């Protein structure tokens, strides 16, 4: 009975020990000379402004255009006095 439970534990422990000893296979020398020159030429390739990427600028532009259009509709209603009912009537207003 005892050997049934200890054999899987020993096999698991040996497998984990072997995996820990193998580690990652990284090359001994890597050449980053091209990467350094690209980094020196453009240290922040994804940014279009000091803090925004192109997608961030596009999202902000979309949000601004949407807000401006909604504000224009409100202004248009105010121009034609459609933003609220008249206060000049003596009859009760329906809301």
Protein backbone atom coordinates (compact mmCIF):
# COMPACT_ATOMS: atom_id res chain seq x y z
CA UNK A 1 0.00 0.00 0.00
CA UNK A 2 2.84 2.33 0.85
CA UNK A 3 4.64 1.84 -2.46
CA UNK A 4 1.55 2.85 -4.45
CA UNK A 5 1.59 6.36 -3.02
CA UNK A 6 5.35 6.90 -2.89
CA UNK A 7 6.14 5.89 -6.48
CA UNK A 8 4.11 8.73 -8.10
CA UNK A 9 5.56 11.21 -5.61
CA UNK A 10 9.12 10.12 -6.36
CA UNK A 11 8.46 10.23 -10.12
CA UNK A 12 6.99 13.73 -9.82
CA UNK A 13 9.92 14.92 -7.69
CA UNK A 14 12.46 13.53 -10.17
CA UNK A 15 10.63 15.14 -13.10
CA UNK A 16 10.56 18.53 -11.39
CA UNK A 17 14.25 18.25 -10.45
CA UNK A 18 15.20 17.40 -14.04
CA UNK A 19 13.13 20.31 -15.36
CA UNK A 20 14.80 22.69 -12.89
CA UNK A 21 18.29 21.55 -13.92
CA UNK A 22 17.64 21.92 -17.65
CA UNK A 23 16.61 25.60 -17.54
CA UNK A 24 16.26 27.81 -20.57
CA UNK A 25 18.42 27.43 -23.64
CA UNK A 26 19.73 30.91 -24.38
CA UNK A 27 22.51 31.55 -26.89
CA UNK A 28 25.84 32.47 -25.34
CA UNK A 29 26.32 35.58 -27.50
CA UNK A 30 23.66 37.83 -28.91
CA UNK A 31 24.27 40.70 -31.28
CA UNK A 32 22.24 43.78 -30.37
CA UNK A 33 24.21 46.30 -32.43
CA UNK A 34 21.34 46.86 -34.89
CA UNK A 35 18.84 47.19 -32.06
CA UNK A 36 20.97 49.83 -30.34
CA UNK A 37 21.25 51.91 -33.51
CA UNK A 38 17.49 51.72 -34.10
CA UNK A 39 16.87 52.73 -30.51
CA UNK A 40 19.23 55.68 -30.79
CA UNK A 41 17.56 56.80 -34.03
CA UNK A 42 14.03 56.66 -32.57
CA UNK A 43 13.81 55.98 -28.81
CA UNK A 44 10.00 55.99 -28.79
CA UNK A 45 8.82 54.52 -32.09
CA UNK A 46 5.20 53.95 -31.03
CA UNK A 47 4.55 57.47 -29.72
CA UNK A 48 3.41 60.28 -31.99
CA UNK A 49 3.31 62.96 -29.28
CA UNK A 50 5.04 63.10 -25.92
CA UNK A 51 2.53 60.73 -24.37
CA UNK A 52 0.16 59.37 -27.04
CA UNK A 53 0.25 56.71 -29.70
CA UNK A 54 -1.52 57.08 -33.03
CA UNK A 55 -4.51 55.07 -31.81
CA UNK A 56 -4.76 57.27 -28.71
CA UNK A 57 -4.89 60.39 -30.90
CA UNK A 58 -7.52 58.81 -33.16
CA UNK A 59 -9.66 57.81 -30.17
CA UNK A 60 -9.38 61.31 -28.69
CA UNK A 61 -10.31 62.86 -32.04
CA UNK A 62 -13.36 60.62 -32.32
CA UNK A 63 -14.45 61.56 -28.81
CA UNK A 64 -14.00 65.29 -29.49
CA UNK A 65 -15.93 65.13 -32.77
CA UNK A 66 -18.76 63.22 -31.09
CA UNK A 67 -18.95 65.75 -28.23
CA UNK A 68 -18.86 68.68 -30.64
CA UNK A 69 -21.69 67.25 -32.74
CA UNK A 70 -23.85 66.68 -29.66
CA UNK A 71 -23.13 70.23 -28.43
CA UNK A 72 -23.97 71.59 -31.88
CA UNK A 73 -27.36 69.86 -31.72
CA UNK A 74 -27.99 71.45 -28.32
CA UNK A 75 -26.99 74.87 -29.67
CA UNK A 76 -29.22 74.40 -32.72
CA UNK A 77 -32.19 73.64 -30.44
CA UNK A 78 -31.42 76.74 -28.37
CA UNK A 79 -31.22 78.84 -31.53
CA UNK A 80 -34.75 77.81 -32.55
CA UNK A 81 -36.00 78.00 -28.94
CA UNK A 82 -36.74 74.29 -28.85
CA UNK A 83 -34.75 73.53 -25.72
CA UNK A 84 -37.58 74.30 -23.28
CA UNK A 85 -41.26 75.24 -23.39
CA UNK A 86 -42.37 78.85 -23.25
CA UNK A 87 -42.98 80.43 -19.87
CA UNK A 88 -45.48 82.93 -21.29
CA UNK A 89 -48.54 80.72 -21.18
CA UNK A 90 -51.09 80.85 -18.38
CA UNK A 91 -51.98 77.19 -18.85
CA UNK A 92 -50.10 74.39 -17.12
CA UNK A 93 -47.22 72.87 -19.04
CA UNK A 94 -47.08 69.21 -19.95
CA UNK A 95 -43.73 67.59 -19.27
